[in-house]
Structures are given as structure tokens and as C-alpha cells.
Amino acid sequence: MDTAPAPAGPYRTVLPGFLPADLTDLGEAFEAMVRFRPAAVVHLAAIATPFSRSDAFTYRVNTQLAFNVLEAAAGTGVGRVVVASSPTVVGYGAPGGWVPRYLPLDEDHPSEPWNAYSLSKLAAEEAMRTFARTGGDRSRYAAFRPCFVVAPEDWEGAPTQTGHTIRERLDDVELSGRALFNYVDGRDAAELVLRLLHRLPDIPSGEVFYAGAADALAREPLADLLPAAHPGTAGHAKALTGTTPAFSIAKAQRLLGWHPRHSWRDHLD
């Protein structure tokens, strides 16, 4: 479901049940659930990047979307619900500076959102946990925080979500450093979601998982690069040797058996 019609091209053949719908309208959200009666729901819809719209609009739309999808799913008996969040909830890039409690970052690291987008994503996580607390054994919930998603066509030089190519992000440490050099191939992120849906009955409801590549989007160790991009991180960044990324995926590996298969090294160098 989306507010726009199904995209042209090959996607039409794999989206036979596509429904244009405005999920900020709770009635439309309920109608969509009733029409399709899904066994599981993956909520991805959102204003996708910080500052692409006004703060008020971004926060209102993203939080209303998350709540409405969760409410409609719960009200129609959907058994499994996964909500997309964002690594930005930890607060990197804050105007006053940002210093992590430790590195690499895991799901237990405190959240310190500083803009409407990251705040809306944290609110979506909290909404998910609220429904998890009341869902009992009838419904299971989780959220995932996908790193900078790289689509297959992006490896071939298509512009990424920020307008730069992935090679430009790799070559310009200022560009990739803003987001702690994080990334994940879209196919790996999709595989994590599928594994999460499959494993939801066997793990605690309300969990959050990072979805990131096994390496950093950088040619040099983050122990050397991160302090220049984020002053004050030098002490903790010492742990980021070799190709170690800033975000840990150990939880997804342990609980879901998920291991990303794609690296920028397979596509660009």
C-alpha cells in the first residue's frame, strides 16, 4: 500500500495486490487490513529522510502512519507486525556534537533524537512496544533499524536516496561520515525482515534490530576516520579496527541467524 499508484515496470508483476491508500487516515488503514486480511504486516511507509519536509509535517505523518498501521493490524487480528525505524534515533549529527556511550553501537545504546525525523522513528518504536505489551500471544511485534539502504541499481551508479552515487559516498568521507559510514544492501535488509517475520513467534515480542552491512562504507578503519567526522569519538572508536562498522548486527545474527551477504567491496572495488 502507498499513496501513489504502483510503479511502472517489472514491479507491477510482483505487486498484484497493490492498493493506493492514505494510511494517515485510520479508516483507510482499517479498510486495507480488512480487504487483504494479511497474516503479517511490514510497515515501511514514512517521510524517509530528515529535513525533506517541514519538521511538523514529518513528525505528524510518520507518527500517525505508525500508530494507524499498528492499531488497524491489532484491530483486525494480524499476527505479526514489523515496523521500520532508523539508526538516527541514537542522535549522531546533533548540532551541539554527539559522543556515543560506546562503540560499536548496539540496540541497548541510549537514544538521543535531535530532529523531527529521528524523534518520529523513536516514537514509532515506542508505539510498537506499546502494542507488544498488550498483544499477548495473539500478536507479535518487532522493529528494525536499516542503515543507509543501497538498492541493486545504486551499485551501477544510480543516485542514492541523498542524490549522490554510492561511489561518491565512498570516496568522500565527509558524505559517508555524517551517517557513521553505515550502509546495507537492500536485498540483505529484505532478508532480515523475512527472517524476522519467520522468527517472531520464537523471540520476545517488542524487540528492535539493526540491519547493517558487516563492514563499514570506508576504505580505512573507522578508528582513524570517525574522530574526524565526529570529534569526541576517538576513545570509543579505537574498537573499530579493520573493516568493523559503527553499528553492531550481533543481535540479528544471534536471534535471527541473519548474516548480510553483500559488501561494497564486491561491487565497487
Protein backbone atom coordinates (compact mmCIF):
# COMPACT_ATOMS: atom_id res chain seq x y z
CA MET A 1 0.00 0.00 0.00
CA ASP A 2 1.18 3.52 -0.77
CA THR A 3 -0.29 6.92 -1.50
CA ALA A 4 0.98 6.65 -5.09
CA PRO A 5 -0.04 4.16 -7.79
CA ALA A 6 2.08 1.04 -8.26
CA PRO A 7 5.36 1.87 -10.05
CA ALA A 8 5.71 1.12 -13.74
CA GLY A 9 7.93 -1.67 -14.98
CA PRO A 10 8.63 -5.12 -13.52
CA TYR A 11 7.35 -4.16 -10.06
CA ARG A 12 3.77 -4.30 -11.34
CA THR A 13 4.04 -8.05 -11.87
CA VAL A 14 5.14 -8.67 -8.28
CA LEU A 15 2.61 -6.30 -6.74
CA PRO A 16 -0.74 -7.71 -7.91
CA GLY A 17 -2.44 -6.65 -4.68
CA PHE A 18 -1.11 -3.10 -4.65
CA LEU A 19 -3.58 -0.62 -3.15
CA PRO A 20 -3.19 3.17 -3.23
CA ALA A 21 -4.16 4.28 0.27
CA ASP A 22 -3.51 7.12 2.69
CA LEU A 23 -2.64 5.32 5.90
CA THR A 24 -2.64 8.55 7.90
CA ASP A 25 -6.42 8.05 7.71
CA LEU A 26 -7.27 5.37 10.30
CA GLY A 27 -10.36 4.39 8.35
CA GLU A 28 -8.31 3.66 5.23
CA ALA A 29 -5.81 1.69 7.30
CA PHE A 30 -8.60 -0.48 8.71
CA GLU A 31 -10.20 -0.91 5.28
CA ALA A 32 -6.89 -2.06 3.82
CA MET A 33 -6.41 -4.65 6.57
CA VAL A 34 -9.97 -5.91 6.14
CA ARG A 35 -9.60 -6.15 2.37
CA PHE A 36 -6.35 -8.11 2.36
CA ARG A 37 -6.55 -9.92 5.73
CA PRO A 38 -2.74 -10.24 5.87
CA ALA A 39 -1.04 -12.77 8.11
CA ALA A 40 1.79 -10.27 8.60
CA VAL A 41 2.39 -6.55 8.05
CA VAL A 42 5.70 -4.78 7.40
CA HIS A 43 5.32 -1.03 7.91
CA LEU A 44 7.83 0.91 5.79
CA ALA A 45 5.84 4.00 4.77
CA ALA A 46 7.22 7.32 6.03
CA ILE A 47 8.76 10.65 5.17
CA ALA A 48 12.03 8.86 4.51
CA THR A 49 14.75 11.40 5.25
CA PRO A 50 15.34 14.23 7.73
CA PHE A 51 14.56 17.78 6.57
CA SER A 52 12.96 16.69 3.29
CA ARG A 53 9.71 18.24 4.60
CA SER A 54 8.92 20.57 7.48
CA ASP A 55 9.56 19.18 10.96
CA ALA A 56 5.89 19.42 11.92
CA PHE A 57 4.76 17.58 8.79
CA THR A 58 7.44 14.89 9.12
CA TYR A 59 6.62 14.17 12.75
CA ARG A 60 2.86 14.20 12.24
CA VAL A 61 2.89 11.95 9.18
CA ASN A 62 5.42 9.43 10.47
CA THR A 63 3.87 9.01 13.89
CA GLN A 64 0.31 8.90 12.55
CA LEU A 65 1.32 6.29 9.97
CA ALA A 66 2.95 4.06 12.57
CA PHE A 67 0.08 4.29 15.04
CA ASN A 68 -2.63 3.76 12.44
CA VAL A 69 -0.93 0.70 10.95
CA LEU A 70 -0.39 -0.80 14.40
CA GLU A 71 -3.94 -0.01 15.51
CA ALA A 72 -5.52 -1.39 12.36
CA ALA A 73 -3.35 -4.50 12.43
CA ALA A 74 -4.21 -5.16 16.07
CA GLY A 75 -7.89 -4.47 15.49
CA THR A 76 -8.13 -6.96 12.62
CA GLY A 77 -6.11 -9.73 14.24
CA VAL A 78 -2.86 -9.54 12.28
CA GLY A 79 -0.48 -11.94 13.99
CA ARG A 80 2.91 -10.45 13.07
CA VAL A 81 3.86 -6.79 12.63
CA VAL A 82 7.30 -5.34 11.85
CA VAL A 83 7.92 -1.58 11.90
CA ALA A 84 10.80 0.21 10.17
CA SER A 85 12.74 2.59 12.41
CA SER A 86 16.12 4.26 11.82
CA PRO A 87 19.68 4.33 13.21
CA THR A 88 19.28 8.11 13.52
CA VAL A 89 17.48 7.63 16.84
CA VAL A 90 20.88 7.41 18.58
CA GLY A 91 21.47 11.08 17.81
CA TYR A 92 24.55 11.30 15.61
CA GLY A 93 24.86 14.57 13.72
CA ALA A 94 23.41 16.71 16.50
CA PRO A 95 24.34 20.41 16.08
CA GLY A 96 25.91 20.53 19.53
CA GLY A 97 28.02 17.46 18.85
CA TRP A 98 27.50 13.81 19.64
CA VAL A 99 29.57 11.40 21.67
CA PRO A 100 28.44 7.76 21.93
CA ARG A 101 28.48 5.89 25.21
CA TYR A 102 30.40 3.11 23.45
CA LEU A 103 31.20 1.69 20.02
CA PRO A 104 30.13 -0.25 18.10
CA LEU A 105 26.55 0.84 18.68
CA ASP A 106 24.00 -1.81 19.56
CA GLU A 107 20.29 -1.80 20.30
CA ASP A 108 20.89 -1.10 24.00
CA HIS A 109 22.67 2.20 23.36
CA PRO A 110 20.59 5.16 24.64
CA SER A 111 18.51 7.03 22.07
CA GLU A 112 19.03 10.78 21.76
CA PRO A 113 16.99 12.01 18.76
CA TRP A 114 17.56 15.65 17.87
CA ASN A 115 15.28 16.27 14.88
CA ALA A 116 11.67 15.55 13.97
CA TYR A 117 12.55 12.61 11.75
CA SER A 118 14.60 10.71 14.33
CA LEU A 119 12.09 11.59 17.04
CA SER A 120 9.26 10.23 14.89
CA LYS A 121 11.16 6.98 14.41
CA LEU A 122 11.71 6.60 18.13
CA ALA A 123 8.01 7.28 18.65
CA ALA A 124 7.23 4.51 16.15
CA GLU A 125 9.39 2.12 18.18
CA GLU A 126 7.63 3.09 21.38
CA ALA A 127 4.24 2.64 19.73
CA MET A 128 5.33 -0.82 18.59
CA ARG A 129 6.40 -1.70 22.15
CA THR A 130 3.08 -0.44 23.49
CA PHE A 131 1.17 -2.80 21.22
CA ALA A 132 3.59 -5.61 22.07
CA ARG A 133 2.78 -5.19 25.76
CA THR A 134 -0.93 -5.66 25.11
CA GLY A 135 -0.77 -8.14 22.23
CA GLY A 136 -0.07 -11.19 24.36
CA ASP A 137 0.36 -14.39 22.38
CA ARG A 138 -2.16 -13.29 19.75
CA SER A 139 0.18 -10.85 18.00
CA ARG A 140 3.94 -10.44 17.84
CA TYR A 141 5.78 -7.20 17.14
CA ALA A 142 9.30 -6.01 16.29
CA ALA A 143 11.13 -3.07 14.74
CA PHE A 144 14.29 -2.86 12.67
CA ARG A 145 16.68 -0.01 12.06
CA PRO A 146 18.00 -0.27 8.50
CA CYS A 147 21.27 1.51 7.83
CA PHE A 148 21.70 3.57 4.63
CA VAL A 149 19.88 1.31 2.16
CA VAL A 150 21.65 0.67 -1.15
CA ALA A 151 19.41 -0.67 -3.92
CA PRO A 152 20.89 -3.02 -6.54
CA GLU A 153 20.74 -0.28 -9.18
CA ASP A 154 22.70 2.04 -6.88
CA TRP A 155 25.75 -0.17 -7.28
CA GLU A 156 25.56 0.52 -11.02
CA GLY A 157 25.75 4.29 -10.47
CA ALA A 158 22.13 5.33 -9.92
CA PRO A 159 21.69 8.19 -7.43
CA THR A 160 21.01 7.07 -3.87
CA GLN A 161 18.32 8.48 -1.59
CA THR A 162 20.50 11.55 -0.88
CA GLY A 163 21.18 12.28 -4.55
CA HIS A 164 24.81 11.13 -4.52
CA THR A 165 26.06 7.89 -6.01
CA ILE A 166 27.31 5.23 -3.64
CA ARG A 167 30.82 5.62 -5.08
CA GLU A 168 30.69 9.34 -4.28
CA ARG A 169 29.75 8.46 -0.71
CA LEU A 170 32.64 6.02 -0.52
CA ASP A 171 35.15 8.47 -1.99
CA ASP A 172 34.02 11.45 0.11
CA VAL A 173 34.49 10.63 3.80
CA GLU A 174 32.56 13.77 4.73
CA LEU A 175 29.46 12.43 2.99
CA SER A 176 29.61 8.92 4.42
CA GLY A 177 30.93 10.10 7.77
CA ARG A 178 27.76 12.05 8.57
CA ALA A 179 25.93 8.73 8.98
CA LEU A 180 28.85 6.95 10.65
CA PHE A 181 29.83 5.24 7.37
CA ASN A 182 26.82 2.91 7.64
CA TYR A 183 25.04 1.11 4.82
CA VAL A 184 23.17 -2.07 3.99
CA ASP A 185 22.32 -3.69 0.68
CA GLY A 186 18.56 -3.62 0.17
CA ARG A 187 18.49 -7.35 -0.51
CA ASP A 188 20.14 -8.05 2.82
CA ALA A 189 17.67 -5.78 4.60
CA ALA A 190 14.79 -7.63 2.93
CA GLU A 191 16.25 -10.95 4.04
CA LEU A 192 16.42 -9.70 7.63
CA VAL A 193 12.74 -8.75 7.51
CA LEU A 194 11.78 -12.17 6.15
CA ARG A 195 13.78 -13.92 8.84
CA LEU A 196 12.30 -11.65 11.47
CA LEU A 197 8.76 -12.45 10.37
CA HIS A 198 9.56 -16.15 10.47
CA ARG A 199 11.20 -15.98 13.89
CA LEU A 200 8.72 -13.66 15.61
CA PRO A 201 6.85 -16.48 17.38
CA ASP A 202 10.11 -17.69 18.93
CA ILE A 203 11.65 -14.44 20.20
CA PRO A 204 10.39 -11.89 22.74
CA SER A 205 7.79 -9.54 21.31
CA GLY A 206 8.84 -5.90 21.05
CA GLU A 207 12.49 -6.39 20.08
CA VAL A 208 14.50 -3.96 17.92
CA PHE A 209 17.24 -4.98 15.48
CA TYR A 210 19.91 -3.15 13.50
CA ALA A 211 20.17 -4.10 9.83
CA GLY A 212 23.60 -3.14 8.54
CA ALA A 213 26.41 -4.44 6.40
CA ALA A 214 29.16 -6.49 8.00
CA ASP A 215 31.68 -3.80 7.09
CA ALA A 216 31.85 -0.01 7.04
CA LEU A 217 31.47 2.08 3.89
CA ALA A 218 35.08 3.17 4.11
CA ARG A 219 38.46 2.19 2.74
CA GLU A 220 40.22 2.88 6.04
CA PRO A 221 39.40 1.72 9.59
CA LEU A 222 36.78 3.79 11.39
CA ALA A 223 39.20 4.03 14.29
CA ASP A 224 41.04 6.51 12.05
CA LEU A 225 38.12 8.12 10.18
CA LEU A 226 35.35 8.53 12.74
CA PRO A 227 37.09 11.03 15.07
CA ALA A 228 37.50 13.46 12.17
CA ALA A 229 33.81 13.23 11.26
CA HIS A 230 32.57 13.27 14.87
CA PRO A 231 35.00 14.92 17.30
CA GLY A 232 34.99 13.31 20.70
CA THR A 233 34.63 9.75 19.44
CA ALA A 234 38.34 8.89 19.32
CA GLY A 235 38.38 6.95 22.58
CA HIS A 236 35.47 4.67 21.76
CA ALA A 237 36.39 4.46 18.06
CA LYS A 238 39.56 2.55 18.94
CA ALA A 239 37.39 -0.57 18.95
CA LEU A 240 36.52 -0.09 15.26
CA THR A 241 39.59 -1.70 13.73
CA GLY A 242 39.86 -3.27 10.29
CA THR A 243 36.53 -3.17 8.48
CA THR A 244 34.38 -3.15 11.66
CA PRO A 245 31.27 -0.97 11.19
CA ALA A 246 29.92 1.50 13.73
CA PHE A 247 26.66 -0.45 14.15
CA SER A 248 26.67 -3.95 15.60
CA ILE A 249 24.48 -6.58 13.94
CA ALA A 250 25.31 -9.23 16.55
CA LYS A 251 21.75 -9.31 17.88
CA ALA A 252 20.24 -10.10 14.48
CA GLN A 253 22.92 -12.71 13.90
CA ARG A 254 22.26 -14.33 17.27
CA LEU A 255 18.46 -14.26 17.40
CA LEU A 256 17.57 -14.43 13.71
CA GLY A 257 20.52 -16.27 12.18
CA TRP A 258 20.84 -13.36 9.74
CA HIS A 259 24.14 -12.61 8.01
CA PRO A 260 24.43 -9.92 5.31
CA ARG A 261 25.82 -11.29 2.05
CA HIS A 262 26.62 -8.09 0.17
CA SER A 263 29.57 -5.70 0.59
CA TRP A 264 30.59 -2.59 -1.30
CA ARG A 265 33.86 -4.41 -1.95
CA ASP A 266 32.00 -6.86 -4.18
CA HIS A 267 30.57 -4.09 -6.33
CA LEU A 268 32.89 -1.08 -6.37
CA ASP A 269 36.47 -2.27 -5.83
